Amino acid sequence: MDEKNITPQELKSALKEDIDLLVEKTAEAINKAQPGRIINDSEESVRDASAEFRKRLYQKALDLLQNKQLQEDFSPSAQ
């Protein structure tokens, strides 16, 4: 793999806290839902948490990629 590319492991490591937050918000929304209304009561909260996670995922992926490319382009040892 090209050293300028990000790896799934790097991205997963960068998202650890965000993944935990998504799981917490999902569990909270489902647990707060009334019996028989789980989907109706939790769907919007879970969708909002997922949308926020998706934004953070994409931003962190872009940041990792940019940082790798900048390090490569401006490395003092680069010829």
N, C-alpha and C. Protein backbone atom coordinates (compact mmCIF):
# COMPACT_ATOMS: atom_id res chain seq x y z
N MET A 1 0.85 -1.19 0.00
CA MET A 1 0.00 0.00 0.00
C MET A 1 0.89 1.25 0.00
N ASP A 2 0.50 2.23 -0.75
CA ASP A 2 1.22 3.49 -0.83
C ASP A 2 1.29 4.15 0.55
N GLU A 3 2.47 4.64 0.91
CA GLU A 3 2.64 5.26 2.23
C GLU A 3 1.83 6.54 2.40
N LYS A 4 1.36 7.11 1.30
CA LYS A 4 0.53 8.31 1.38
C LYS A 4 -0.93 7.98 1.66
N ASN A 5 -1.28 6.70 1.57
CA ASN A 5 -2.66 6.28 1.82
C ASN A 5 -2.86 5.99 3.30
N ILE A 6 -4.09 6.15 3.75
CA ILE A 6 -4.40 5.80 5.13
C ILE A 6 -4.81 4.33 5.17
N THR A 7 -4.64 3.72 6.33
CA THR A 7 -5.03 2.32 6.49
C THR A 7 -6.33 2.25 7.30
N PRO A 8 -7.07 1.18 7.14
CA PRO A 8 -8.26 1.02 7.97
C PRO A 8 -7.92 1.04 9.47
N GLN A 9 -6.78 0.48 9.83
CA GLN A 9 -6.38 0.46 11.24
C GLN A 9 -6.13 1.88 11.77
N GLU A 10 -5.49 2.73 10.97
CA GLU A 10 -5.26 4.11 11.38
C GLU A 10 -6.58 4.85 11.58
N LEU A 11 -7.49 4.65 10.66
CA LEU A 11 -8.78 5.32 10.75
C LEU A 11 -9.57 4.80 11.95
N LYS A 12 -9.55 3.51 12.15
CA LYS A 12 -10.25 2.93 13.29
C LYS A 12 -9.69 3.47 14.60
N SER A 13 -8.39 3.59 14.69
CA SER A 13 -7.76 4.12 15.89
C SER A 13 -8.16 5.58 16.13
N ALA A 14 -8.21 6.36 15.07
CA ALA A 14 -8.59 7.77 15.18
C ALA A 14 -10.05 7.95 15.57
N LEU A 15 -10.87 6.96 15.28
CA LEU A 15 -12.31 7.06 15.52
C LEU A 15 -12.78 6.36 16.80
N LYS A 16 -11.86 5.85 17.57
CA LYS A 16 -12.23 5.05 18.74
C LYS A 16 -13.25 5.76 19.64
N GLU A 17 -12.98 6.99 20.00
CA GLU A 17 -13.90 7.75 20.87
C GLU A 17 -15.22 8.02 20.17
N ASP A 18 -15.19 8.29 18.87
CA ASP A 18 -16.41 8.57 18.12
C ASP A 18 -17.29 7.33 18.01
N ILE A 19 -16.66 6.18 17.83
CA ILE A 19 -17.41 4.92 17.77
C ILE A 19 -18.08 4.67 19.12
N ASP A 20 -17.33 4.87 20.19
CA ASP A 20 -17.90 4.68 21.53
C ASP A 20 -19.09 5.61 21.76
N LEU A 21 -18.97 6.86 21.32
CA LEU A 21 -20.06 7.82 21.48
C LEU A 21 -21.30 7.40 20.68
N LEU A 22 -21.10 6.93 19.45
CA LEU A 22 -22.21 6.47 18.63
C LEU A 22 -22.93 5.30 19.30
N VAL A 23 -22.17 4.36 19.81
CA VAL A 23 -22.76 3.20 20.47
C VAL A 23 -23.52 3.62 21.73
N GLU A 24 -22.94 4.54 22.50
CA GLU A 24 -23.62 5.02 23.71
C GLU A 24 -24.93 5.72 23.38
N LYS A 25 -24.91 6.60 22.37
CA LYS A 25 -26.12 7.32 22.00
C LYS A 25 -27.20 6.38 21.45
N THR A 26 -26.77 5.37 20.71
CA THR A 26 -27.72 4.40 20.17
C THR A 26 -28.36 3.60 21.29
N ALA A 27 -27.54 3.10 22.21
CA ALA A 27 -28.06 2.33 23.34
C ALA A 27 -28.99 3.19 24.19
N GLU A 28 -28.61 4.43 24.43
CA GLU A 28 -29.44 5.34 25.23
C GLU A 28 -30.80 5.56 24.57
N ALA A 29 -30.80 5.81 23.27
CA ALA A 29 -32.06 6.06 22.56
C ALA A 29 -32.96 4.83 22.60
N ILE A 30 -32.39 3.67 22.40
CA ILE A 30 -33.20 2.44 22.40
C ILE A 30 -33.72 2.15 23.80
N ASN A 31 -32.88 2.36 24.81
CA ASN A 31 -33.30 2.09 26.18
C ASN A 31 -34.36 3.06 26.69
N LYS A 32 -34.39 4.28 26.17
CA LYS A 32 -35.39 5.27 26.57
C LYS A 32 -36.74 5.06 25.87
N ALA A 33 -36.73 4.30 24.82
CA ALA A 33 -37.95 4.09 24.04
C ALA A 33 -38.98 3.28 24.83
N GLN A 34 -40.23 3.61 24.59
CA GLN A 34 -41.32 2.89 25.24
C GLN A 34 -41.51 1.52 24.59
N PRO A 35 -41.87 0.51 25.38
CA PRO A 35 -42.14 -0.81 24.79
C PRO A 35 -43.20 -0.69 23.69
N GLY A 36 -42.94 -1.37 22.61
CA GLY A 36 -43.86 -1.32 21.48
C GLY A 36 -43.66 -0.11 20.57
N ARG A 37 -42.78 0.81 20.97
CA ARG A 37 -42.51 2.02 20.19
C ARG A 37 -41.01 2.24 19.99
N ILE A 38 -40.25 1.17 20.06
CA ILE A 38 -38.79 1.30 20.02
C ILE A 38 -38.33 2.02 18.76
N ILE A 39 -38.81 1.61 17.61
CA ILE A 39 -38.39 2.26 16.37
C ILE A 39 -38.87 3.70 16.33
N ASN A 40 -40.14 3.92 16.60
CA ASN A 40 -40.69 5.28 16.55
C ASN A 40 -39.99 6.22 17.55
N ASP A 41 -39.70 5.73 18.74
CA ASP A 41 -39.12 6.59 19.78
C ASP A 41 -37.61 6.79 19.64
N SER A 42 -36.93 5.88 18.96
CA SER A 42 -35.46 5.97 18.92
C SER A 42 -34.88 6.30 17.55
N GLU A 43 -35.66 6.12 16.52
CA GLU A 43 -35.13 6.24 15.16
C GLU A 43 -34.47 7.59 14.89
N GLU A 44 -35.11 8.67 15.26
CA GLU A 44 -34.57 9.99 14.97
C GLU A 44 -33.26 10.24 15.73
N SER A 45 -33.22 9.87 16.99
CA SER A 45 -31.99 10.06 17.78
C SER A 45 -30.84 9.24 17.22
N VAL A 46 -31.12 8.00 16.83
CA VAL A 46 -30.08 7.14 16.27
C VAL A 46 -29.63 7.67 14.91
N ARG A 47 -30.57 8.15 14.11
CA ARG A 47 -30.21 8.73 12.81
C ARG A 47 -29.34 9.96 12.98
N ASP A 48 -29.67 10.81 13.95
CA ASP A 48 -28.86 12.01 14.20
C ASP A 48 -27.45 11.64 14.68
N ALA A 49 -27.37 10.65 15.57
CA ALA A 49 -26.06 10.21 16.06
C ALA A 49 -25.24 9.61 14.91
N SER A 50 -25.90 8.86 14.04
CA SER A 50 -25.21 8.27 12.88
C SER A 50 -24.73 9.34 11.91
N ALA A 51 -25.53 10.36 11.71
CA ALA A 51 -25.13 11.44 10.81
C ALA A 51 -23.92 12.19 11.36
N GLU A 52 -23.92 12.44 12.65
CA GLU A 52 -22.76 13.11 13.28
C GLU A 52 -21.52 12.23 13.17
N PHE A 53 -21.69 10.94 13.41
CA PHE A 53 -20.56 10.02 13.28
C PHE A 53 -20.03 10.02 11.85
N ARG A 54 -20.93 9.99 10.88
CA ARG A 54 -20.52 9.98 9.47
C ARG A 54 -19.68 11.22 9.14
N LYS A 55 -20.08 12.37 9.65
CA LYS A 55 -19.31 13.60 9.42
C LYS A 55 -17.92 13.49 10.04
N ARG A 56 -17.86 13.00 11.27
CA ARG A 56 -16.57 12.87 11.96
C ARG A 56 -15.68 11.84 11.27
N LEU A 57 -16.28 10.74 10.82
CA LEU A 57 -15.54 9.71 10.10
C LEU A 57 -14.88 10.30 8.86
N TYR A 58 -15.65 10.99 8.07
CA TYR A 58 -15.13 11.55 6.84
C TYR A 58 -14.07 12.62 7.12
N GLN A 59 -14.32 13.48 8.10
CA GLN A 59 -13.36 14.52 8.43
C GLN A 59 -12.04 13.94 8.93
N LYS A 60 -12.13 12.94 9.79
CA LYS A 60 -10.89 12.33 10.31
C LYS A 60 -10.14 11.59 9.21
N ALA A 61 -10.86 10.95 8.30
CA ALA A 61 -10.20 10.29 7.18
C ALA A 61 -9.46 11.31 6.32
N LEU A 62 -10.11 12.42 6.04
CA LEU A 62 -9.46 13.47 5.25
C LEU A 62 -8.26 14.06 5.97
N ASP A 63 -8.40 14.28 7.27
CA ASP A 63 -7.29 14.82 8.07
C ASP A 63 -6.10 13.87 8.08
N LEU A 64 -6.37 12.58 8.27
CA LEU A 64 -5.28 11.59 8.25
C LEU A 64 -4.58 11.58 6.90
N LEU A 65 -5.35 11.59 5.84
CA LEU A 65 -4.78 11.58 4.50
C LEU A 65 -3.94 12.84 4.26
N GLN A 66 -4.48 13.97 4.64
CA GLN A 66 -3.75 15.22 4.44
C GLN A 66 -2.44 15.23 5.25
N ASN A 67 -2.50 14.78 6.48
CA ASN A 67 -1.30 14.75 7.32
C ASN A 67 -0.24 13.83 6.73
N LYS A 68 -0.64 12.68 6.24
CA LYS A 68 0.33 11.76 5.62
C LYS A 68 0.95 12.38 4.38
N GLN A 69 0.15 13.02 3.57
CA GLN A 69 0.68 13.61 2.35
C GLN A 69 1.59 14.79 2.65
N LEU A 70 1.24 15.57 3.66
CA LEU A 70 2.09 16.70 4.03
C LEU A 70 3.42 16.22 4.60
N GLN A 71 3.40 15.19 5.41
CA GLN A 71 4.64 14.66 5.98
C GLN A 71 5.55 14.15 4.87
N GLU A 72 4.97 13.48 3.92
CA GLU A 72 5.75 12.94 2.80
C GLU A 72 6.32 14.07 1.95
N ASP A 73 5.49 15.07 1.66
CA ASP A 73 5.91 16.16 0.77
C ASP A 73 6.95 17.07 1.40
N PHE A 74 6.91 17.21 2.73
CA PHE A 74 7.80 18.17 3.38
C PHE A 74 8.79 17.51 4.33
N SER A 75 9.03 16.25 4.15
CA SER A 75 9.98 15.55 5.00
C SER A 75 11.38 16.12 4.77
N PRO A 76 12.11 16.43 5.86
CA PRO A 76 13.47 16.98 5.69
C PRO A 76 14.42 15.97 5.03
N SER A 77 14.09 14.70 5.14
CA SER A 77 14.97 13.69 4.53
C SER A 77 14.58 13.36 3.10
N ALA A 78 13.49 13.91 2.63
CA ALA A 78 13.05 13.63 1.26
C ALA A 78 14.00 14.27 0.26
N GLN A 79 14.24 13.59 -0.82
CA GLN A 79 15.14 14.12 -1.86
C GLN A 79 14.40 15.00 -2.82
